[in-house]
Amino acid sequence: MDTSQLTPNQPVAPVDYTAQLTCPVLGIYGNDDQSPSPDAVNQLEEALKRHGKTYEFHRYDDAGHGFFYYDRPAYRQAQAVDGWKKIWAFLAKTTR
């Protein structure tokens, strides 16, 4: 998110909050998504690395925004099923 995309309702880019994160982050992204775009995901990953944060990202080809929605055309069963496996594994590792 560059400064031209900032608004009064969103005066700070989400990536600018990474330094203050205190919990592990799980990101599950479709490579066809544009919100966030693959470039935005790359920027977030770089910021997480730069700030030494614990994170895990998974990206899926042939999946866009909302690929978990089973009742919509964007649904991608294989990617969603694998994504759920990643979610449960992440929670098992990061929660008590």
PDB file of N, CA and C in Angstrom:
ATOM      1  N   MET A   1       0.856  -1.172   0.000  1.00  0.00           N
ATOM      2  CA  MET A   1       0.000   0.000   0.000  1.00  0.00           C
ATOM      3  C   MET A   1       0.895   1.225   0.000  1.00  0.00           C
ATOM      4  N   ASP A   2       0.778   2.018  -1.048  1.00  0.00           N
ATOM      5  CA  ASP A   2       1.572   3.244  -1.065  1.00  0.00           C
ATOM      6  C   ASP A   2       0.736   4.399  -0.521  1.00  0.00           C
ATOM      7  N   THR A   3       1.371   5.544  -0.343  1.00  0.00           N
ATOM      8  CA  THR A   3       0.710   6.669   0.310  1.00  0.00           C
ATOM      9  C   THR A   3      -0.524   7.154  -0.450  1.00  0.00           C
ATOM     10  N   SER A   4      -0.585   6.939  -1.754  1.00  0.00           N
ATOM     11  CA  SER A   4      -1.763   7.369  -2.513  1.00  0.00           C
ATOM     12  C   SER A   4      -3.002   6.549  -2.155  1.00  0.00           C
ATOM     13  N   GLN A   5      -2.819   5.386  -1.557  1.00  0.00           N
ATOM     14  CA  GLN A   5      -3.939   4.522  -1.183  1.00  0.00           C
ATOM     15  C   GLN A   5      -4.414   4.751   0.252  1.00  0.00           C
ATOM     16  N   LEU A   6      -3.697   5.552   1.010  1.00  0.00           N
ATOM     17  CA  LEU A   6      -4.100   5.836   2.382  1.00  0.00           C
ATOM     18  C   LEU A   6      -5.293   6.781   2.388  1.00  0.00           C
ATOM     19  N   THR A   7      -6.157   6.614   3.366  1.00  0.00           N
ATOM     20  CA  THR A   7      -7.370   7.423   3.480  1.00  0.00           C
ATOM     21  C   THR A   7      -7.547   7.837   4.938  1.00  0.00           C
ATOM     22  N   PRO A   8      -8.469   8.737   5.205  1.00  0.00           N
ATOM     23  CA  PRO A   8      -8.749   9.065   6.611  1.00  0.00           C
ATOM     24  C   PRO A   8      -9.197   7.840   7.417  1.00  0.00           C
ATOM     25  N   ASN A   9      -9.889   6.913   6.773  1.00  0.00           N
ATOM     26  CA  ASN A   9     -10.310   5.704   7.476  1.00  0.00           C
ATOM     27  C   ASN A   9      -9.196   4.680   7.594  1.00  0.00           C
ATOM     28  N   GLN A  10      -8.182   4.755   6.752  1.00  0.00           N
ATOM     29  CA  GLN A  10      -7.021   3.869   6.826  1.00  0.00           C
ATOM     30  C   GLN A  10      -5.764   4.710   6.604  1.00  0.00           C
ATOM     31  N   PRO A  11      -5.376   5.465   7.647  1.00  0.00           N
ATOM     32  CA  PRO A  11      -4.253   6.386   7.509  1.00  0.00           C
ATOM     33  C   PRO A  11      -2.872   5.738   7.574  1.00  0.00           C
ATOM     34  N   VAL A  12      -2.831   4.443   7.911  1.00  0.00           N
ATOM     35  CA  VAL A  12      -1.566   3.724   8.029  1.00  0.00           C
ATOM     36  C   VAL A  12      -1.666   2.443   7.213  1.00  0.00           C
ATOM     37  N   ALA A  13      -0.620   2.151   6.458  1.00  0.00           N
ATOM     38  CA  ALA A  13      -0.583   0.901   5.702  1.00  0.00           C
ATOM     39  C   ALA A  13      -0.474  -0.273   6.674  1.00  0.00           C
ATOM     40  N   PRO A  14      -1.194  -1.359   6.440  1.00  0.00           N
ATOM     41  CA  PRO A  14      -1.121  -2.504   7.356  1.00  0.00           C
ATOM     42  C   PRO A  14       0.295  -3.002   7.611  1.00  0.00           C
ATOM     43  N   VAL A  15       1.144  -2.973   6.607  1.00  0.00           N
ATOM     44  CA  VAL A  15       2.516  -3.460   6.781  1.00  0.00           C
ATOM     45  C   VAL A  15       3.271  -2.644   7.836  1.00  0.00           C
ATOM     46  N   ASP A  16       2.853  -1.401   8.059  1.00  0.00           N
ATOM     47  CA  ASP A  16       3.529  -0.560   9.036  1.00  0.00           C
ATOM     48  C   ASP A  16       3.253  -0.972  10.485  1.00  0.00           C
ATOM     49  N   TYR A  17       2.349  -1.899  10.684  1.00  0.00           N
ATOM     50  CA  TYR A  17       2.067  -2.398  12.026  1.00  0.00           C
ATOM     51  C   TYR A  17       2.918  -3.614  12.405  1.00  0.00           C
ATOM     52  N   THR A  18       3.720  -4.121  11.496  1.00  0.00           N
ATOM     53  CA  THR A  18       4.437  -5.368  11.776  1.00  0.00           C
ATOM     54  C   THR A  18       5.407  -5.251  12.949  1.00  0.00           C
ATOM     55  N   ALA A  19       6.010  -4.120  13.127  1.00  0.00           N
ATOM     56  CA  ALA A  19       6.975  -3.970  14.224  1.00  0.00           C
ATOM     57  C   ALA A  19       6.322  -4.186  15.580  1.00  0.00           C
ATOM     58  N   GLN A  20       5.039  -3.852  15.717  1.00  0.00           N
ATOM     59  CA  GLN A  20       4.354  -3.974  17.002  1.00  0.00           C
ATOM     60  C   GLN A  20       3.706  -5.337  17.226  1.00  0.00           C
ATOM     61  N   LEU A  21       3.717  -6.218  16.247  1.00  0.00           N
ATOM     62  CA  LEU A  21       3.072  -7.524  16.408  1.00  0.00           C
ATOM     63  C   LEU A  21       3.721  -8.317  17.535  1.00  0.00           C
ATOM     64  N   THR A  22       2.882  -8.959  18.330  1.00  0.00           N
ATOM     65  CA  THR A  22       3.402  -9.772  19.437  1.00  0.00           C
ATOM     66  C   THR A  22       2.926 -11.219  19.363  1.00  0.00           C
ATOM     67  N   CYS A  23       2.224 -11.567  18.309  1.00  0.00           N
ATOM     68  CA  CYS A  23       1.728 -12.935  18.173  1.00  0.00           C
ATOM     69  C   CYS A  23       2.211 -13.515  16.847  1.00  0.00           C
ATOM     70  N   PRO A  24       2.233 -14.831  16.730  1.00  0.00           N
ATOM     71  CA  PRO A  24       2.602 -15.444  15.454  1.00  0.00           C
ATOM     72  C   PRO A  24       1.536 -15.135  14.398  1.00  0.00           C
ATOM     73  N   VAL A  25       1.965 -15.081  13.147  1.00  0.00           N
ATOM     74  CA  VAL A  25       1.078 -14.720  12.041  1.00  0.00           C
ATOM     75  C   VAL A  25       1.006 -15.873  11.052  1.00  0.00           C
ATOM     76  N   LEU A  26      -0.205 -16.220  10.670  1.00  0.00           N
ATOM     77  CA  LEU A  26      -0.421 -17.197   9.608  1.00  0.00           C
ATOM     78  C   LEU A  26      -1.053 -16.477   8.438  1.00  0.00           C
ATOM     79  N   GLY A  27      -0.449 -16.622   7.266  1.00  0.00           N
ATOM     80  CA  GLY A  27      -1.005 -16.040   6.051  1.00  0.00           C
ATOM     81  C   GLY A  27      -1.280 -17.131   5.037  1.00  0.00           C
ATOM     82  N   ILE A  28      -2.489 -17.144   4.508  1.00  0.00           N
ATOM     83  CA  ILE A  28      -2.876 -18.106   3.478  1.00  0.00           C
ATOM     84  C   ILE A  28      -3.404 -17.288   2.313  1.00  0.00           C
ATOM     85  N   TYR A  29      -2.707 -17.358   1.183  1.00  0.00           N
ATOM     86  CA  TYR A  29      -2.978 -16.452   0.070  1.00  0.00           C
ATOM     87  C   TYR A  29      -3.172 -17.201  -1.238  1.00  0.00           C
ATOM     88  N   GLY A  30      -4.057 -16.671  -2.033  1.00  0.00           N
ATOM     89  CA  GLY A  30      -4.197 -17.126  -3.407  1.00  0.00           C
ATOM     90  C   GLY A  30      -3.302 -16.290  -4.291  1.00  0.00           C
ATOM     91  N   ASN A  31      -2.513 -16.919  -5.130  1.00  0.00           N
ATOM     92  CA  ASN A  31      -1.596 -16.182  -5.994  1.00  0.00           C
ATOM     93  C   ASN A  31      -2.293 -15.357  -7.066  1.00  0.00           C
ATOM     94  N   ASP A  32      -3.599 -15.612  -7.291  1.00  0.00           N
ATOM     95  CA  ASP A  32      -4.363 -14.813  -8.248  1.00  0.00           C
ATOM     96  C   ASP A  32      -5.074 -13.643  -7.581  1.00  0.00           C
ATOM     97  N   ASP A  33      -4.928 -13.500  -6.281  1.00  0.00           N
ATOM     98  CA  ASP A  33      -5.589 -12.431  -5.536  1.00  0.00           C
ATOM     99  C   ASP A  33      -4.932 -11.091  -5.842  1.00  0.00           C
ATOM    100  N   GLN A  34      -5.712 -10.036  -5.782  1.00  0.00           N
ATOM    101  CA  GLN A  34      -5.165  -8.690  -5.928  1.00  0.00           C
ATOM    102  C   GLN A  34      -5.394  -7.854  -4.680  1.00  0.00           C
ATOM    103  N   SER A  35      -5.952  -8.468  -3.632  1.00  0.00           N
ATOM    104  CA  SER A  35      -6.192  -7.743  -2.395  1.00  0.00           C
ATOM    105  C   SER A  35      -6.054  -8.702  -1.212  1.00  0.00           C
ATOM    106  N   PRO A  36      -4.847  -9.012  -0.794  1.00  0.00           N
ATOM    107  CA  PRO A  36      -3.591  -8.409  -1.196  1.00  0.00           C
ATOM    108  C   PRO A  36      -3.006  -9.088  -2.434  1.00  0.00           C
ATOM    109  N   SER A  37      -2.268  -8.308  -3.167  1.00  0.00           N
ATOM    110  CA  SER A  37      -1.584  -8.828  -4.349  1.00  0.00           C
ATOM    111  C   SER A  37      -0.361  -9.644  -3.919  1.00  0.00           C
ATOM    112  N   PRO A  38       0.152 -10.485  -4.810  1.00  0.00           N
ATOM    113  CA  PRO A  38       1.386 -11.204  -4.469  1.00  0.00           C
ATOM    114  C   PRO A  38       2.530 -10.258  -4.078  1.00  0.00           C
ATOM    115  N   ASP A  39       2.621  -9.099  -4.719  1.00  0.00           N
ATOM    116  CA  ASP A  39       3.661  -8.135  -4.340  1.00  0.00           C
ATOM    117  C   ASP A  39       3.451  -7.613  -2.921  1.00  0.00           C
ATOM    118  N   ALA A  40       2.191  -7.366  -2.548  1.00  0.00           N
ATOM    119  CA  ALA A  40       1.907  -6.911  -1.189  1.00  0.00           C
ATOM    120  C   ALA A  40       2.248  -7.997  -0.170  1.00  0.00           C
ATOM    121  N   VAL A  41       1.975  -9.244  -0.508  1.00  0.00           N
ATOM    122  CA  VAL A  41       2.331 -10.359   0.382  1.00  0.00           C
ATOM    123  C   VAL A  41       3.848 -10.425   0.531  1.00  0.00           C
ATOM    124  N   ASN A  42       4.570 -10.238  -0.564  1.00  0.00           N
ATOM    125  CA  ASN A  42       6.035 -10.223  -0.495  1.00  0.00           C
ATOM    126  C   ASN A  42       6.530  -9.110   0.419  1.00  0.00           C
ATOM    127  N   GLN A  43       5.922  -7.927   0.317  1.00  0.00           N
ATOM    128  CA  GLN A  43       6.323  -6.803   1.166  1.00  0.00           C
ATOM    129  C   GLN A  43       6.057  -7.106   2.638  1.00  0.00           C
ATOM    130  N   LEU A  44       4.906  -7.705   2.911  1.00  0.00           N
ATOM    131  CA  LEU A  44       4.592  -8.059   4.292  1.00  0.00           C
ATOM    132  C   LEU A  44       5.573  -9.091   4.821  1.00  0.00           C
ATOM    133  N   GLU A  45       5.889 -10.081   3.996  1.00  0.00           N
ATOM    134  CA  GLU A  45       6.842 -11.102   4.429  1.00  0.00           C
ATOM    135  C   GLU A  45       8.213 -10.492   4.720  1.00  0.00           C
ATOM    136  N   GLU A  46       8.651  -9.587   3.887  1.00  0.00           N
ATOM    137  CA  GLU A  46       9.937  -8.924   4.128  1.00  0.00           C
ATOM    138  C   GLU A  46       9.914  -8.140   5.436  1.00  0.00           C
ATOM    139  N   ALA A  47       8.807  -7.450   5.707  1.00  0.00           N
ATOM    140  CA  ALA A  47       8.699  -6.692   6.959  1.00  0.00           C
ATOM    141  C   ALA A  47       8.704  -7.624   8.160  1.00  0.00           C
ATOM    142  N   LEU A  48       8.006  -8.740   8.057  1.00  0.00           N
ATOM    143  CA  LEU A  48       8.008  -9.706   9.161  1.00  0.00           C
ATOM    144  C   LEU A  48       9.407 -10.251   9.411  1.00  0.00           C
ATOM    145  N   LYS A  49      10.124 -10.561   8.349  1.00  0.00           N
ATOM    146  CA  LYS A  49      11.510 -11.028   8.492  1.00  0.00           C
ATOM    147  C   LYS A  49      12.378  -9.942   9.119  1.00  0.00           C
ATOM    148  N   ARG A  50      12.257  -8.730   8.605  1.00  0.00           N
ATOM    149  CA  ARG A  50      13.080  -7.610   9.077  1.00  0.00           C
ATOM    150  C   ARG A  50      12.876  -7.373  10.576  1.00  0.00           C
ATOM    151  N   HIS A  51      11.665  -7.577  11.062  1.00  0.00           N
ATOM    152  CA  HIS A  51      11.365  -7.335  12.478  1.00  0.00           C
ATOM    153  C   HIS A  51      11.470  -8.596  13.325  1.00  0.00           C
ATOM    154  N   GLY A  52      11.939  -9.692  12.723  1.00  0.00           N
ATOM    155  CA  GLY A  52      12.159 -10.924  13.475  1.00  0.00           C
ATOM    156  C   GLY A  52      10.884 -11.560  14.013  1.00  0.00           C
ATOM    157  N   LYS A  53       9.792 -11.436  13.277  1.00  0.00           N
ATOM    158  CA  LYS A  53       8.511 -11.966  13.732  1.00  0.00           C
ATOM    159  C   LYS A  53       8.350 -13.433  13.356  1.00  0.00           C
ATOM    160  N   THR A  54       7.563 -14.133  14.148  1.00  0.00           N
ATOM    161  CA  THR A  54       7.226 -15.528  13.867  1.00  0.00           C
ATOM    162  C   THR A  54       6.036 -15.523  12.923  1.00  0.00           C
ATOM    163  N   TYR A  55       6.202 -16.164  11.777  1.00  0.00           N
ATOM    164  CA  TYR A  55       5.120 -16.184  10.802  1.00  0.00           C
ATOM    165  C   TYR A  55       5.251 -17.430   9.942  1.00  0.00           C
ATOM    166  N   GLU A  56       4.165 -17.731   9.264  1.00  0.00           N
ATOM    167  CA  GLU A  56       4.126 -18.842   8.317  1.00  0.00           C
ATOM    168  C   GLU A  56       3.171 -18.430   7.194  1.00  0.00           C
ATOM    169  N   PHE A  57       3.661 -18.427   5.971  1.00  0.00           N
ATOM    170  CA  PHE A  57       2.838 -18.073   4.814  1.00  0.00           C
ATOM    171  C   PHE A  57       2.690 -19.276   3.900  1.00  0.00           C
ATOM    172  N   HIS A  58       1.515 -19.425   3.346  1.00  0.00           N
ATOM    173  CA  HIS A  58       1.233 -20.460   2.352  1.00  0.00           C
ATOM    174  C   HIS A  58       0.525 -19.774   1.192  1.00  0.00           C
ATOM    175  N   ARG A  59       0.980 -20.072  -0.014  1.00  0.00           N
ATOM    176  CA  ARG A  59       0.414 -19.456  -1.210  1.00  0.00           C
ATOM    177  C   ARG A  59      -0.061 -20.557  -2.154  1.00  0.00           C
ATOM    178  N   TYR A  60      -1.177 -20.267  -2.802  1.00  0.00           N
ATOM    179  CA  TYR A  60      -1.790 -21.264  -3.675  1.00  0.00           C
ATOM    180  C   TYR A  60      -1.983 -20.726  -5.078  1.00  0.00           C
ATOM    181  N   ASP A  61      -1.514 -21.504  -6.049  1.00  0.00           N
ATOM    182  CA  ASP A  61      -1.765 -21.187  -7.450  1.00  0.00           C
ATOM    183  C   ASP A  61      -3.230 -21.481  -7.778  1.00  0.00           C
ATOM    184  N   ASP A  62      -3.729 -20.834  -8.804  1.00  0.00           N
ATOM    185  CA  ASP A  62      -5.113 -21.010  -9.274  1.00  0.00           C
ATOM    186  C   ASP A  62      -6.124 -20.716  -8.168  1.00  0.00           C
ATOM    187  N   ALA A  63      -5.804 -19.749  -7.328  1.00  0.00           N
ATOM    188  CA  ALA A  63      -6.713 -19.344  -6.261  1.00  0.00           C
ATOM    189  C   ALA A  63      -6.649 -17.833  -6.119  1.00  0.00           C
ATOM    190  N   GLY A  64      -7.806 -17.240  -6.003  1.00  0.00           N
ATOM    191  CA  GLY A  64      -7.884 -15.796  -5.803  1.00  0.00           C
ATOM    192  C   GLY A  64      -8.486 -15.479  -4.451  1.00  0.00           C
ATOM    193  N   HIS A  65      -9.024 -14.293  -4.337  1.00  0.00           N
ATOM    194  CA  HIS A  65      -9.631 -13.840  -3.094  1.00  0.00           C
ATOM    195  C   HIS A  65     -10.869 -14.676  -2.785  1.00  0.00           C
ATOM    196  N   GLY A  66     -10.987 -15.119  -1.574  1.00  0.00           N
ATOM    197  CA  GLY A  66     -12.166 -15.853  -1.152  1.00  0.00           C
ATOM    198  C   GLY A  66     -12.207 -17.302  -1.588  1.00  0.00           C
ATOM    199  N   PHE A  67     -11.052 -17.909  -1.832  1.00  0.00           N
ATOM    200  CA  PHE A  67     -11.071 -19.289  -2.322  1.00  0.00           C
ATOM    201  C   PHE A  67     -11.548 -20.292  -1.269  1.00  0.00           C
ATOM    202  N   PHE A  68     -11.724 -19.869  -0.028  1.00  0.00           N
ATOM    203  CA  PHE A  68     -12.274 -20.736   1.017  1.00  0.00           C
ATOM    204  C   PHE A  68     -13.811 -20.778   0.981  1.00  0.00           C
ATOM    205  N   TYR A  69     -14.453 -19.832   0.325  1.00  0.00           N
ATOM    206  CA  TYR A  69     -15.922 -19.763   0.300  1.00  0.00           C
ATOM    207  C   TYR A  69     -16.493 -20.889  -0.540  1.00  0.00           C
ATOM    208  N   TYR A  70     -16.982 -21.928   0.107  1.00  0.00           N
ATOM    209  CA  TYR A  70     -17.457 -23.123  -0.600  1.00  0.00           C
ATOM    210  C   TYR A  70     -18.706 -22.869  -1.429  1.00  0.00           C
ATOM    211  N   ASP A  71     -19.419 -21.785  -1.167  1.00  0.00           N
ATOM    212  CA  ASP A  71     -20.669 -21.525  -1.871  1.00  0.00           C
ATOM    213  C   ASP A  71     -20.543 -20.447  -2.949  1.00  0.00           C
ATOM    214  N   ARG A  72     -19.317 -20.160  -3.357  1.00  0.00           N
ATOM    215  CA  ARG A  72     -19.101 -19.105  -4.349  1.00  0.00           C
ATOM    216  C   ARG A  72     -18.206 -19.603  -5.472  1.00  0.00           C
ATOM    217  N   PRO A  73     -18.284 -18.936  -6.619  1.00  0.00           N
ATOM    218  CA  PRO A  73     -17.463 -19.378  -7.761  1.00  0.00           C
ATOM    219  C   PRO A  73     -15.957 -19.352  -7.494  1.00  0.00           C
ATOM    220  N   ALA A  74     -15.515 -18.527  -6.566  1.00  0.00           N
ATOM    221  CA  ALA A  74     -14.075 -18.424  -6.264  1.00  0.00           C
ATOM    222  C   ALA A  74     -13.538 -19.641  -5.511  1.00  0.00           C
ATOM    223  N   TYR A  75     -14.429 -20.486  -5.010  1.00  0.00           N
ATOM    224  CA  TYR A  75     -14.021 -21.641  -4.203  1.00  0.00           C
ATOM    225  C   TYR A  75     -13.074 -22.546  -4.977  1.00  0.00           C
ATOM    226  N   ARG A  76     -12.015 -22.948  -4.308  1.00  0.00           N
ATOM    227  CA  ARG A  76     -11.055 -23.905  -4.844  1.00  0.00           C
ATOM    228  C   ARG A  76     -10.885 -24.994  -3.796  1.00  0.00           C
ATOM    229  N   GLN A  77     -11.520 -26.118  -4.032  1.00  0.00           N
ATOM    230  CA  GLN A  77     -11.598 -27.168  -3.019  1.00  0.00           C
ATOM    231  C   GLN A  77     -10.232 -27.644  -2.559  1.00  0.00           C
ATOM    232  N   ALA A  78      -9.361 -28.012  -3.481  1.00  0.00           N
ATOM    233  CA  ALA A  78      -8.061 -28.566  -3.086  1.00  0.00           C
ATOM    234  C   ALA A  78      -7.264 -27.561  -2.259  1.00  0.00           C
ATOM    235  N   GLN A  79      -7.253 -26.313  -2.696  1.00  0.00           N
ATOM    236  CA  GLN A  79      -6.501 -25.293  -1.969  1.00  0.00           C
ATOM    237  C   GLN A  79      -7.127 -25.013  -0.606  1.00  0.00           C
ATOM    238  N   ALA A  80      -8.455 -24.979  -0.545  1.00  0.00           N
ATOM    239  CA  ALA A  80      -9.133 -24.713   0.721  1.00  0.00           C
ATOM    240  C   ALA A  80      -8.911 -25.850   1.718  1.00  0.00           C
ATOM    241  N   VAL A  81      -9.018 -27.083   1.260  1.00  0.00           N
ATOM    242  CA  VAL A  81      -8.795 -28.225   2.159  1.00  0.00           C
ATOM    243  C   VAL A  81      -7.368 -28.194   2.696  1.00  0.00           C
ATOM    244  N   ASP A  82      -6.402 -27.940   1.830  1.00  0.00           N
ATOM    245  CA  ASP A  82      -5.022 -27.856   2.295  1.00  0.00           C
ATOM    246  C   ASP A  82      -4.839 -26.669   3.237  1.00  0.00           C
ATOM    247  N   GLY A  83      -5.492 -25.560   2.925  1.00  0.00           N
ATOM    248  CA  GLY A  83      -5.416 -24.387   3.791  1.00  0.00           C
ATOM    249  C   GLY A  83      -5.933 -24.670   5.189  1.00  0.00           C
ATOM    250  N   TRP A  84      -7.058 -25.397   5.282  1.00  0.00           N
ATOM    251  CA  TRP A  84      -7.567 -25.768   6.606  1.00  0.00           C
ATOM    252  C   TRP A  84      -6.573 -26.642   7.355  1.00  0.00           C
ATOM    253  N   LYS A  85      -5.920 -27.539   6.665  1.00  0.00           N
ATOM    254  CA  LYS A  85      -4.890 -28.360   7.322  1.00  0.00           C
ATOM    255  C   LYS A  85      -3.781 -27.472   7.869  1.00  0.00           C
ATOM    256  N   LYS A  86      -3.402 -26.469   7.094  1.00  0.00           N
ATOM    257  CA  LYS A  86      -2.351 -25.545   7.536  1.00  0.00           C
ATOM    258  C   LYS A  86      -2.803 -24.736   8.750  1.00  0.00           C
ATOM    259  N   ILE A  87      -4.062 -24.338   8.764  1.00  0.00           N
ATOM    260  CA  ILE A  87      -4.593 -23.578   9.898  1.00  0.00           C
ATOM    261  C   ILE A  87      -4.532 -24.410  11.172  1.00  0.00           C
ATOM    262  N   TRP A  88      -5.052 -25.640  11.129  1.00  0.00           N
ATOM    263  CA  TRP A  88      -5.067 -26.479  12.323  1.00  0.00           C
ATOM    264  C   TRP A  88      -3.659 -26.813  12.795  1.00  0.00           C
ATOM    265  N   ALA A  89      -2.748 -27.047  11.871  1.00  0.00           N
ATOM    266  CA  ALA A  89      -1.356 -27.333  12.250  1.00  0.00           C
ATOM    267  C   ALA A  89      -0.713 -26.107  12.902  1.00  0.00           C
ATOM    268  N   PHE A  90      -0.968 -24.933  12.361  1.00  0.00           N
ATOM    269  CA  PHE A  90      -0.426 -23.691  12.908  1.00  0.00           C
ATOM    270  C   PHE A  90      -0.963 -23.465  14.317  1.00  0.00           C
ATOM    271  N   LEU A  91      -2.261 -23.638  14.492  1.00  0.00           N
ATOM    272  CA  LEU A  91      -2.848 -23.446  15.818  1.00  0.00           C
ATOM    273  C   LEU A  91      -2.299 -24.451  16.818  1.00  0.00           C
ATOM    274  N   ALA A  92      -2.086 -25.674  16.398  1.00  0.00           N
ATOM    275  CA  ALA A  92      -1.522 -26.688  17.287  1.00  0.00           C
ATOM    276  C   ALA A  92      -0.114 -26.295  17.737  1.00  0.00           C
ATOM    277  N   LYS A  93       0.636 -25.646  16.852  1.00  0.00           N
ATOM    278  CA  LYS A  93       2.017 -25.253  17.188  1.00  0.00           C
ATOM    279  C   LYS A  93       2.075 -23.983  18.036  1.00  0.00           C
ATOM    280  N   THR A  94       1.089 -23.106  17.895  1.00  0.00           N
ATOM    281  CA  THR A  94       1.229 -21.768  18.448  1.00  0.00           C
ATOM    282  C   THR A  94       0.270 -21.450  19.580  1.00  0.00           C
ATOM    283  N   THR A  95      -0.621 -22.375  19.933  1.00  0.00           N
ATOM    284  CA  THR A  95      -1.531 -22.106  21.052  1.00  0.00           C
ATOM    285  C   THR A  95      -1.328 -23.149  22.140  1.00  0.00           C
ATOM    286  N   ARG A  96      -1.792 -22.831  23.293  1.00  0.00           N
ATOM    287  CA  ARG A  96      -1.627 -23.758  24.428  1.00  0.00           C
ATOM    288  C   ARG A  96      -2.906 -24.476  24.713  1.00  0.00           C
TER     289      ARG A  96
END
